[in-house]
Amino acid sequence: MSAKKIAVIVGSLRKESFNRKTANALIKLAPASLSLEILEISNLSLYNEDLDLKPPEAWTEFRDKLKTFDGVIFVTPEYNRSFTAVIKNAIDIGSRPYGHSVWNGKPGAVISVSQGAMGGFGANHHLRQIFVFLNIPIMQQPEAYIGNAASWFDAHGNLVNEPMSKFLKNFIDSYSEWVYKICSK
């Protein structure tokens, strides 16, 4: 059995982002049944339907690359009780032109990561609402609202919090089961 390819969409552009560090920790913790890769979204210009007649190269590359993945995990901070504009932009680019969404049917998961105590609860649930329209079957459990993220990483970006490491390992193992369940249908 070959590993399922999973796109990891990181919703923070900051170089030292706790979301990117969490995504990298997931990649290290992933079982052999999954092959995770961060799919960069920082180079995507703002979606404008007029441009779909002759889409920018970055849009075409993003859409074509996303088609090669079996599933998707979003790792997002919370901005103003929602997910970030760069994630919304990537969603819009991937879902257009209408009827040609590259998200359709890909098993998904969300992890919200915050320096605050609430762990990005609002961002997590807001993103899940959009998955209904995109037809991304979302893993319901375990939910992942991760607060106080600044305390989990060392100066080199390595995850050093053992309980969080166990939690993320359980999350990614559960996601692997979810992906294989959805993909076998």
N, C-alpha and C. Protein backbone atom coordinates (compact mmCIF):
# COMPACT_ATOMS: atom_id res chain seq x y z
N MET A 1 0.84 -1.18 0.00
CA MET A 1 0.00 0.00 0.00
C MET A 1 0.89 1.24 0.00
N SER A 2 0.68 2.13 -0.98
CA SER A 2 1.47 3.35 -1.04
C SER A 2 0.85 4.41 -0.13
N ALA A 3 1.69 5.29 0.35
CA ALA A 3 1.24 6.35 1.25
C ALA A 3 0.33 7.32 0.52
N LYS A 4 -0.69 7.80 1.21
CA LYS A 4 -1.58 8.82 0.67
C LYS A 4 -0.89 10.18 0.79
N LYS A 5 -0.94 10.95 -0.29
CA LYS A 5 -0.32 12.28 -0.31
C LYS A 5 -1.29 13.29 0.29
N ILE A 6 -0.79 14.03 1.28
CA ILE A 6 -1.62 14.98 1.99
C ILE A 6 -1.00 16.37 1.90
N ALA A 7 -1.79 17.31 1.41
CA ALA A 7 -1.37 18.72 1.38
C ALA A 7 -1.61 19.33 2.75
N VAL A 8 -0.64 20.07 3.23
CA VAL A 8 -0.78 20.80 4.48
C VAL A 8 -0.78 22.29 4.11
N ILE A 9 -1.89 22.96 4.41
CA ILE A 9 -2.05 24.38 4.11
C ILE A 9 -1.83 25.14 5.42
N VAL A 10 -0.80 25.98 5.45
CA VAL A 10 -0.47 26.76 6.65
C VAL A 10 -1.01 28.17 6.46
N GLY A 11 -1.84 28.59 7.37
CA GLY A 11 -2.53 29.87 7.25
C GLY A 11 -1.81 31.07 7.80
N SER A 12 -0.55 30.93 8.13
CA SER A 12 0.23 32.07 8.61
C SER A 12 1.45 32.22 7.73
N LEU A 13 1.73 33.44 7.32
CA LEU A 13 2.87 33.70 6.45
C LEU A 13 4.14 34.05 7.23
N ARG A 14 4.01 34.23 8.52
CA ARG A 14 5.14 34.62 9.36
C ARG A 14 6.20 33.53 9.37
N LYS A 15 7.45 33.91 9.19
CA LYS A 15 8.56 32.95 9.11
C LYS A 15 8.62 32.04 10.34
N GLU A 16 8.46 32.59 11.51
CA GLU A 16 8.54 31.81 12.76
C GLU A 16 7.16 31.44 13.29
N SER A 17 6.23 31.28 12.41
CA SER A 17 4.85 30.97 12.76
C SER A 17 4.74 29.69 13.58
N PHE A 18 3.94 29.74 14.63
CA PHE A 18 3.66 28.53 15.41
C PHE A 18 2.84 27.54 14.58
N ASN A 19 2.08 28.04 13.64
CA ASN A 19 1.33 27.16 12.74
C ASN A 19 2.26 26.38 11.83
N ARG A 20 3.27 27.03 11.29
CA ARG A 20 4.24 26.34 10.44
C ARG A 20 5.04 25.33 11.28
N LYS A 21 5.39 25.71 12.49
CA LYS A 21 6.10 24.78 13.37
C LYS A 21 5.23 23.56 13.69
N THR A 22 3.94 23.80 13.89
CA THR A 22 3.01 22.70 14.14
C THR A 22 2.90 21.81 12.91
N ALA A 23 2.82 22.42 11.74
CA ALA A 23 2.76 21.64 10.49
C ALA A 23 4.01 20.78 10.34
N ASN A 24 5.16 21.34 10.64
CA ASN A 24 6.40 20.57 10.54
C ASN A 24 6.43 19.43 11.56
N ALA A 25 5.89 19.67 12.75
CA ALA A 25 5.80 18.61 13.76
C ALA A 25 4.89 17.49 13.26
N LEU A 26 3.77 17.84 12.63
CA LEU A 26 2.86 16.83 12.08
C LEU A 26 3.56 15.98 11.02
N ILE A 27 4.35 16.62 10.18
CA ILE A 27 5.08 15.91 9.14
C ILE A 27 6.00 14.87 9.76
N LYS A 28 6.68 15.25 10.84
CA LYS A 28 7.60 14.33 11.52
C LYS A 28 6.85 13.19 12.22
N LEU A 29 5.66 13.48 12.72
CA LEU A 29 4.89 12.49 13.48
C LEU A 29 4.01 11.59 12.61
N ALA A 30 3.87 11.93 11.34
CA ALA A 30 2.95 11.20 10.46
C ALA A 30 3.34 9.74 10.31
N PRO A 31 2.36 8.85 10.29
CA PRO A 31 2.65 7.43 10.07
C PRO A 31 3.09 7.21 8.62
N ALA A 32 3.66 6.07 8.36
CA ALA A 32 4.14 5.73 7.02
C ALA A 32 3.01 5.69 5.99
N SER A 33 1.78 5.59 6.46
CA SER A 33 0.62 5.53 5.56
C SER A 33 0.29 6.89 4.93
N LEU A 34 0.93 7.96 5.43
CA LEU A 34 0.71 9.30 4.91
C LEU A 34 2.03 9.95 4.52
N SER A 35 1.98 10.72 3.45
CA SER A 35 3.12 11.53 3.03
C SER A 35 2.64 12.98 3.02
N LEU A 36 3.06 13.76 4.02
CA LEU A 36 2.60 15.13 4.17
C LEU A 36 3.58 16.10 3.52
N GLU A 37 3.03 17.13 2.90
CA GLU A 37 3.85 18.17 2.26
C GLU A 37 3.15 19.51 2.43
N ILE A 38 3.89 20.51 2.87
CA ILE A 38 3.33 21.85 2.96
C ILE A 38 3.16 22.39 1.55
N LEU A 39 1.96 22.80 1.24
CA LEU A 39 1.65 23.39 -0.06
C LEU A 39 1.60 24.90 0.16
N GLU A 40 2.58 25.60 -0.37
CA GLU A 40 2.72 27.03 -0.13
C GLU A 40 1.60 27.82 -0.78
N ILE A 41 1.10 28.82 -0.07
CA ILE A 41 0.04 29.68 -0.58
C ILE A 41 0.45 31.15 -0.57
N SER A 42 1.65 31.45 -0.14
CA SER A 42 2.08 32.84 0.00
C SER A 42 2.25 33.56 -1.33
N ASN A 43 2.42 32.82 -2.42
CA ASN A 43 2.65 33.44 -3.72
C ASN A 43 1.37 33.63 -4.53
N LEU A 44 0.22 33.32 -3.96
CA LEU A 44 -1.04 33.42 -4.68
C LEU A 44 -1.59 34.85 -4.61
N SER A 45 -1.74 35.49 -5.76
CA SER A 45 -2.35 36.82 -5.78
C SER A 45 -3.82 36.69 -5.41
N LEU A 46 -4.42 37.80 -5.03
CA LEU A 46 -5.82 37.79 -4.63
C LEU A 46 -6.70 37.30 -5.77
N TYR A 47 -7.68 36.47 -5.40
CA TYR A 47 -8.57 35.92 -6.41
C TYR A 47 -9.41 37.03 -7.04
N ASN A 48 -9.49 37.00 -8.37
CA ASN A 48 -10.31 37.91 -9.14
C ASN A 48 -10.86 37.09 -10.30
N GLU A 49 -12.17 36.92 -10.33
CA GLU A 49 -12.80 36.05 -11.33
C GLU A 49 -12.44 36.46 -12.76
N ASP A 50 -12.20 37.74 -13.00
CA ASP A 50 -11.81 38.19 -14.34
C ASP A 50 -10.54 37.50 -14.83
N LEU A 51 -9.66 37.15 -13.90
CA LEU A 51 -8.39 36.54 -14.27
C LEU A 51 -8.52 35.06 -14.63
N ASP A 52 -9.67 34.45 -14.37
CA ASP A 52 -9.83 33.04 -14.69
C ASP A 52 -9.84 32.76 -16.19
N LEU A 53 -10.04 33.78 -17.00
CA LEU A 53 -9.94 33.59 -18.45
C LEU A 53 -8.51 33.26 -18.86
N LYS A 54 -7.57 33.87 -18.16
CA LYS A 54 -6.14 33.58 -18.36
C LYS A 54 -5.49 33.64 -16.97
N PRO A 55 -5.60 32.54 -16.19
CA PRO A 55 -5.17 32.59 -14.78
C PRO A 55 -3.67 32.82 -14.64
N PRO A 56 -3.29 33.52 -13.56
CA PRO A 56 -1.87 33.67 -13.26
C PRO A 56 -1.21 32.29 -13.11
N GLU A 57 0.04 32.21 -13.46
CA GLU A 57 0.78 30.94 -13.41
C GLU A 57 0.73 30.32 -12.01
N ALA A 58 0.84 31.15 -10.98
CA ALA A 58 0.82 30.63 -9.61
C ALA A 58 -0.51 29.94 -9.30
N TRP A 59 -1.62 30.46 -9.83
CA TRP A 59 -2.93 29.83 -9.62
C TRP A 59 -2.97 28.47 -10.30
N THR A 60 -2.52 28.42 -11.53
CA THR A 60 -2.54 27.16 -12.29
C THR A 60 -1.66 26.12 -11.62
N GLU A 61 -0.47 26.52 -11.18
CA GLU A 61 0.43 25.59 -10.49
C GLU A 61 -0.21 25.08 -9.20
N PHE A 62 -0.84 25.98 -8.43
CA PHE A 62 -1.50 25.59 -7.19
C PHE A 62 -2.61 24.59 -7.45
N ARG A 63 -3.47 24.89 -8.41
CA ARG A 63 -4.59 24.00 -8.74
C ARG A 63 -4.08 22.63 -9.22
N ASP A 64 -3.11 22.65 -10.11
CA ASP A 64 -2.55 21.40 -10.64
C ASP A 64 -1.89 20.57 -9.54
N LYS A 65 -1.16 21.23 -8.67
CA LYS A 65 -0.48 20.52 -7.58
C LYS A 65 -1.50 19.93 -6.61
N LEU A 66 -2.52 20.72 -6.27
CA LEU A 66 -3.53 20.24 -5.32
C LEU A 66 -4.27 19.03 -5.85
N LYS A 67 -4.45 18.96 -7.15
CA LYS A 67 -5.10 17.79 -7.75
C LYS A 67 -4.35 16.50 -7.47
N THR A 68 -3.05 16.57 -7.24
CA THR A 68 -2.23 15.37 -7.03
C THR A 68 -2.32 14.83 -5.60
N PHE A 69 -2.95 15.58 -4.70
CA PHE A 69 -3.05 15.17 -3.30
C PHE A 69 -4.34 14.40 -3.04
N ASP A 70 -4.25 13.47 -2.09
CA ASP A 70 -5.41 12.66 -1.70
C ASP A 70 -6.25 13.31 -0.62
N GLY A 71 -5.65 14.22 0.15
CA GLY A 71 -6.35 14.86 1.26
C GLY A 71 -5.67 16.17 1.61
N VAL A 72 -6.24 16.87 2.59
CA VAL A 72 -5.72 18.18 2.97
C VAL A 72 -5.93 18.44 4.46
N ILE A 73 -4.89 19.00 5.07
CA ILE A 73 -4.96 19.44 6.47
C ILE A 73 -4.70 20.94 6.47
N PHE A 74 -5.60 21.68 7.11
CA PHE A 74 -5.41 23.12 7.29
C PHE A 74 -4.89 23.38 8.69
N VAL A 75 -3.83 24.17 8.80
CA VAL A 75 -3.27 24.57 10.09
C VAL A 75 -3.38 26.09 10.11
N THR A 76 -4.24 26.61 10.98
CA THR A 76 -4.56 28.03 10.91
C THR A 76 -4.50 28.74 12.25
N PRO A 77 -4.02 29.98 12.23
CA PRO A 77 -4.21 30.83 13.41
C PRO A 77 -5.62 31.41 13.38
N GLU A 78 -5.96 32.14 14.42
CA GLU A 78 -7.24 32.83 14.44
C GLU A 78 -6.99 34.33 14.37
N TYR A 79 -7.59 34.96 13.38
CA TYR A 79 -7.55 36.42 13.25
C TYR A 79 -8.99 36.90 13.32
N ASN A 80 -9.29 37.72 14.29
CA ASN A 80 -10.62 38.33 14.40
C ASN A 80 -11.75 37.29 14.41
N ARG A 81 -11.56 36.21 15.15
CA ARG A 81 -12.53 35.13 15.32
C ARG A 81 -12.78 34.32 14.05
N SER A 82 -11.82 34.35 13.13
CA SER A 82 -11.95 33.58 11.90
C SER A 82 -10.56 33.12 11.47
N PHE A 83 -10.51 32.40 10.36
CA PHE A 83 -9.23 31.99 9.80
C PHE A 83 -8.67 33.13 8.97
N THR A 84 -7.50 32.94 8.42
CA THR A 84 -6.79 34.03 7.77
C THR A 84 -7.21 34.26 6.33
N ALA A 85 -6.92 35.46 5.85
CA ALA A 85 -7.24 35.85 4.47
C ALA A 85 -6.48 34.99 3.46
N VAL A 86 -5.26 34.58 3.80
CA VAL A 86 -4.49 33.77 2.83
C VAL A 86 -5.13 32.40 2.64
N ILE A 87 -5.73 31.85 3.67
CA ILE A 87 -6.45 30.58 3.51
C ILE A 87 -7.70 30.80 2.67
N LYS A 88 -8.46 31.85 2.97
CA LYS A 88 -9.67 32.12 2.18
C LYS A 88 -9.31 32.31 0.71
N ASN A 89 -8.23 33.01 0.43
CA ASN A 89 -7.80 33.23 -0.93
C ASN A 89 -7.44 31.90 -1.62
N ALA A 90 -6.71 31.04 -0.92
CA ALA A 90 -6.35 29.73 -1.48
C ALA A 90 -7.60 28.89 -1.74
N ILE A 91 -8.55 28.95 -0.82
CA ILE A 91 -9.81 28.22 -1.01
C ILE A 91 -10.52 28.73 -2.26
N ASP A 92 -10.60 30.04 -2.40
CA ASP A 92 -11.29 30.62 -3.56
C ASP A 92 -10.59 30.23 -4.86
N ILE A 93 -9.29 30.31 -4.90
CA ILE A 93 -8.55 29.95 -6.11
C ILE A 93 -8.75 28.48 -6.45
N GLY A 94 -8.71 27.62 -5.45
CA GLY A 94 -8.88 26.19 -5.68
C GLY A 94 -10.30 25.78 -6.03
N SER A 95 -11.28 26.60 -5.67
CA SER A 95 -12.68 26.24 -5.92
C SER A 95 -13.23 26.81 -7.22
N ARG A 96 -12.44 27.56 -7.91
CA ARG A 96 -12.89 28.20 -9.15
C ARG A 96 -12.06 27.74 -10.33
N PRO A 97 -12.54 27.90 -11.57
CA PRO A 97 -13.86 28.38 -11.91
C PRO A 97 -14.94 27.42 -11.41
N TYR A 98 -16.14 27.96 -11.25
CA TYR A 98 -17.24 27.19 -10.70
C TYR A 98 -17.39 25.87 -11.45
N GLY A 99 -17.54 24.80 -10.66
CA GLY A 99 -17.70 23.47 -11.25
C GLY A 99 -16.38 22.72 -11.45
N HIS A 100 -15.26 23.38 -11.13
CA HIS A 100 -13.95 22.75 -11.33
C HIS A 100 -13.11 22.79 -10.04
N SER A 101 -13.76 22.68 -8.90
CA SER A 101 -13.07 22.75 -7.62
C SER A 101 -12.08 21.59 -7.45
N VAL A 102 -10.87 21.93 -7.06
CA VAL A 102 -9.85 20.90 -6.79
C VAL A 102 -9.96 20.37 -5.37
N TRP A 103 -10.84 20.94 -4.56
CA TRP A 103 -11.04 20.49 -3.18
C TRP A 103 -12.02 19.32 -3.10
N ASN A 104 -12.84 19.14 -4.08
CA ASN A 104 -13.97 18.23 -4.05
C ASN A 104 -13.59 16.81 -3.63
N GLY A 105 -14.18 16.36 -2.51
CA GLY A 105 -14.03 14.99 -2.05
C GLY A 105 -12.75 14.67 -1.31
N LYS A 106 -11.84 15.63 -1.16
CA LYS A 106 -10.59 15.35 -0.45
C LYS A 106 -10.84 15.32 1.06
N PRO A 107 -10.51 14.23 1.74
CA PRO A 107 -10.69 14.18 3.19
C PRO A 107 -9.85 15.25 3.88
N GLY A 108 -10.47 15.99 4.79
CA GLY A 108 -9.80 17.11 5.41
C GLY A 108 -9.76 17.04 6.92
N ALA A 109 -8.92 17.92 7.46
CA ALA A 109 -8.81 18.10 8.91
C ALA A 109 -8.36 19.53 9.16
N VAL A 110 -8.65 20.01 10.37
CA VAL A 110 -8.27 21.37 10.76
C VAL A 110 -7.58 21.33 12.11
N ILE A 111 -6.50 22.06 12.20
CA ILE A 111 -5.85 22.33 13.49
C ILE A 111 -5.76 23.85 13.60
N SER A 112 -6.29 24.40 14.67
CA SER A 112 -6.12 25.84 14.90
C SER A 112 -5.09 26.01 16.02
N VAL A 113 -4.18 26.93 15.79
CA VAL A 113 -3.03 27.13 16.69
C VAL A 113 -2.99 28.59 17.09
N SER A 114 -2.89 28.83 18.39
CA SER A 114 -2.92 30.19 18.90
C SER A 114 -1.97 30.35 20.07
N GLN A 115 -1.50 31.56 20.25
CA GLN A 115 -0.72 31.86 21.45
C GLN A 115 -1.65 32.05 22.64
N GLY A 116 -2.91 32.33 22.38
CA GLY A 116 -3.89 32.53 23.43
C GLY A 116 -4.43 31.21 23.97
N ALA A 117 -5.22 31.30 25.00
CA ALA A 117 -5.72 30.12 25.68
C ALA A 117 -6.84 29.39 24.93
N MET A 118 -7.60 30.10 24.06
CA MET A 118 -8.75 29.48 23.41
C MET A 118 -8.37 28.61 22.21
N GLY A 119 -7.16 28.71 21.75
CA GLY A 119 -6.69 27.81 20.72
C GLY A 119 -7.32 27.98 19.35
N GLY A 120 -7.84 29.16 19.05
CA GLY A 120 -8.38 29.40 17.72
C GLY A 120 -9.69 28.69 17.45
N PHE A 121 -10.51 28.53 18.47
CA PHE A 121 -11.79 27.83 18.33
C PHE A 121 -12.64 28.42 17.20
N GLY A 122 -12.75 29.75 17.14
CA GLY A 122 -13.58 30.39 16.12
C GLY A 122 -13.07 30.12 14.72
N ALA A 123 -11.76 30.20 14.52
CA ALA A 123 -11.17 29.94 13.20
C ALA A 123 -11.45 28.51 12.76
N ASN A 124 -11.28 27.59 13.68
CA ASN A 124 -11.47 26.17 13.39
C ASN A 124 -12.89 25.92 12.89
N HIS A 125 -13.87 26.42 13.61
CA HIS A 125 -15.26 26.15 13.26
C HIS A 125 -15.71 26.92 12.03
N HIS A 126 -15.19 28.11 11.85
CA HIS A 126 -15.54 28.88 10.66
C HIS A 126 -15.04 28.16 9.41
N LEU A 127 -13.85 27.63 9.47
CA LEU A 127 -13.29 26.90 8.33
C LEU A 127 -14.10 25.63 8.05
N ARG A 128 -14.50 24.94 9.10
CA ARG A 128 -15.32 23.73 8.94
C ARG A 128 -16.64 24.03 8.22
N GLN A 129 -17.21 25.20 8.47
CA GLN A 129 -18.46 25.58 7.80
C GLN A 129 -18.26 25.63 6.29
N ILE A 130 -17.17 26.16 5.85
CA ILE A 130 -16.89 26.30 4.42
C ILE A 130 -16.69 24.94 3.77
N PHE A 131 -16.18 23.97 4.51
CA PHE A 131 -15.95 22.64 3.95
C PHE A 131 -17.23 21.98 3.47
N VAL A 132 -18.35 22.34 4.04
CA VAL A 132 -19.62 21.78 3.61
C VAL A 132 -19.85 22.11 2.13
N PHE A 133 -19.67 23.37 1.77
CA PHE A 133 -19.85 23.79 0.38
C PHE A 133 -18.78 23.19 -0.54
N LEU A 134 -17.56 23.09 -0.04
CA LEU A 134 -16.46 22.58 -0.86
C LEU A 134 -16.48 21.06 -1.02
N ASN A 135 -17.36 20.40 -0.29
CA ASN A 135 -17.43 18.94 -0.27
C ASN A 135 -16.12 18.31 0.19
N ILE A 136 -15.55 18.89 1.23
CA ILE A 136 -14.38 18.31 1.90
C ILE A 136 -14.92 17.55 3.11
N PRO A 137 -14.92 16.21 3.06
CA PRO A 137 -15.37 15.47 4.24
C PRO A 137 -14.37 15.70 5.38
N ILE A 138 -14.85 16.30 6.44
CA ILE A 138 -13.96 16.73 7.52
C ILE A 138 -13.94 15.72 8.66
N MET A 139 -12.73 15.42 9.14
CA MET A 139 -12.59 14.56 10.31
C MET A 139 -13.18 15.30 11.51
N GLN A 140 -14.10 14.64 12.20
CA GLN A 140 -14.78 15.27 13.33
C GLN A 140 -13.98 15.16 14.64
N GLN A 141 -13.34 14.05 14.85
CA GLN A 141 -12.61 13.79 16.10
C GLN A 141 -11.26 13.15 15.79
N PRO A 142 -10.23 13.48 16.49
CA PRO A 142 -10.19 14.45 17.58
C PRO A 142 -10.17 15.88 17.04
N GLU A 143 -10.84 16.77 17.75
CA GLU A 143 -10.77 18.18 17.42
C GLU A 143 -9.42 18.70 17.89
N ALA A 144 -8.93 19.75 17.23
CA ALA A 144 -7.60 20.27 17.59
C ALA A 144 -7.63 21.79 17.68
N TYR A 145 -7.79 22.29 18.90
CA TYR A 145 -7.72 23.71 19.21
C TYR A 145 -6.52 23.85 20.13
N ILE A 146 -5.45 24.36 19.61
CA ILE A 146 -4.20 24.33 20.37
C ILE A 146 -3.82 25.73 20.83
N GLY A 147 -3.90 25.95 22.13
CA GLY A 147 -3.57 27.24 22.72
C GLY A 147 -2.20 27.24 23.36
N ASN A 148 -1.76 28.44 23.72
CA ASN A 148 -0.47 28.63 24.39
C ASN A 148 0.70 28.03 23.61
N ALA A 149 0.64 28.16 22.30
CA ALA A 149 1.61 27.51 21.41
C ALA A 149 3.05 27.96 21.63
N ALA A 150 3.25 29.14 22.14
CA ALA A 150 4.62 29.64 22.33
C ALA A 150 5.43 28.75 23.28
N SER A 151 4.74 28.02 24.13
CA SER A 151 5.45 27.21 25.13
C SER A 151 5.83 25.81 24.63
N TRP A 152 5.45 25.44 23.43
CA TRP A 152 5.72 24.06 23.01
C TRP A 152 6.99 23.85 22.23
N PHE A 153 7.59 24.93 21.74
CA PHE A 153 8.73 24.80 20.82
C PHE A 153 10.01 25.36 21.43
N ASP A 154 11.14 24.74 21.05
CA ASP A 154 12.42 25.28 21.48
C ASP A 154 12.87 26.37 20.50
N ALA A 155 14.06 26.91 20.71
CA ALA A 155 14.57 28.01 19.88
C ALA A 155 14.78 27.61 18.42
N HIS A 156 14.85 26.31 18.15
CA HIS A 156 15.07 25.81 16.79
C HIS A 156 13.77 25.38 16.10
N GLY A 157 12.64 25.60 16.78
CA GLY A 157 11.35 25.26 16.19
C GLY A 157 10.93 23.82 16.40
N ASN A 158 11.64 23.09 17.24
CA ASN A 158 11.30 21.69 17.51
C ASN A 158 10.24 21.60 18.61
N LEU A 159 9.30 20.71 18.42
CA LEU A 159 8.27 20.48 19.41
C LEU A 159 8.90 19.79 20.62
N VAL A 160 8.79 20.43 21.78
CA VAL A 160 9.43 19.89 23.00
C VAL A 160 8.43 19.59 24.10
N ASN A 161 7.16 19.80 23.86
CA ASN A 161 6.12 19.55 24.85
C ASN A 161 5.62 18.12 24.63
N GLU A 162 5.93 17.22 25.53
CA GLU A 162 5.59 15.80 25.36
C GLU A 162 4.08 15.54 25.28
N PRO A 163 3.26 16.13 26.16
CA PRO A 163 1.81 15.91 26.01
C PRO A 163 1.28 16.40 24.66
N MET A 164 1.81 17.53 24.17
CA MET A 164 1.36 18.03 22.86
C MET A 164 1.84 17.11 21.75
N SER A 165 3.02 16.58 21.88
CA SER A 165 3.54 15.63 20.90
C SER A 165 2.63 14.39 20.83
N LYS A 166 2.21 13.89 21.98
CA LYS A 166 1.30 12.74 22.01
C LYS A 166 -0.05 13.10 21.40
N PHE A 167 -0.53 14.29 21.70
CA PHE A 167 -1.81 14.72 21.14
C PHE A 167 -1.73 14.80 19.61
N LEU A 168 -0.68 15.43 19.10
CA LEU A 168 -0.54 15.56 17.64
C LEU A 168 -0.33 14.20 16.98
N LYS A 169 0.35 13.29 17.65
CA LYS A 169 0.54 11.94 17.11
C LYS A 169 -0.82 11.24 17.01
N ASN A 170 -1.63 11.36 18.04
CA ASN A 170 -2.97 10.78 18.01
C ASN A 170 -3.80 11.42 16.90
N PHE A 171 -3.69 12.73 16.75
CA PHE A 171 -4.43 13.45 15.71
C PHE A 171 -4.05 12.93 14.33
N ILE A 172 -2.77 12.86 14.04
CA ILE A 172 -2.35 12.46 12.69
C ILE A 172 -2.61 10.99 12.43
N ASP A 173 -2.51 10.15 13.44
CA ASP A 173 -2.87 8.73 13.27
C ASP A 173 -4.38 8.58 13.01
N SER A 174 -5.19 9.37 13.71
CA SER A 174 -6.64 9.34 13.49
C SER A 174 -6.97 9.86 12.11
N TYR A 175 -6.25 10.88 11.67
CA TYR A 175 -6.48 11.41 10.33
C TYR A 175 -6.12 10.36 9.27
N SER A 176 -5.07 9.62 9.49
CA SER A 176 -4.70 8.56 8.54
C SER A 176 -5.84 7.56 8.39
N GLU A 177 -6.43 7.15 9.52
CA GLU A 177 -7.58 6.24 9.46
C GLU A 177 -8.73 6.88 8.70
N TRP A 178 -8.98 8.16 8.93
CA TRP A 178 -10.06 8.90 8.26
C TRP A 178 -9.83 8.93 6.75
N VAL A 179 -8.61 9.24 6.34
CA VAL A 179 -8.28 9.31 4.91
C VAL A 179 -8.54 7.97 4.23
N TYR A 180 -8.08 6.90 4.84
CA TYR A 180 -8.26 5.58 4.23
C TYR A 180 -9.72 5.15 4.21
N LYS A 181 -10.48 5.57 5.21
CA LYS A 181 -11.91 5.26 5.23
C LYS A 181 -12.61 5.99 4.10
N ILE A 182 -12.34 7.28 3.92
CA ILE A 182 -12.98 8.07 2.87
C ILE A 182 -12.51 7.64 1.49
N CYS A 183 -11.22 7.40 1.33
CA CYS A 183 -10.68 7.04 0.02
C CYS A 183 -11.09 5.64 -0.43
N SER A 184 -11.51 4.80 0.49
CA SER A 184 -11.91 3.44 0.11
C SER A 184 -13.34 3.39 -0.38
N LYS A 185 -14.08 4.48 -0.27
CA LYS A 185 -15.49 4.51 -0.69
C LYS A 185 -15.59 4.65 -2.20
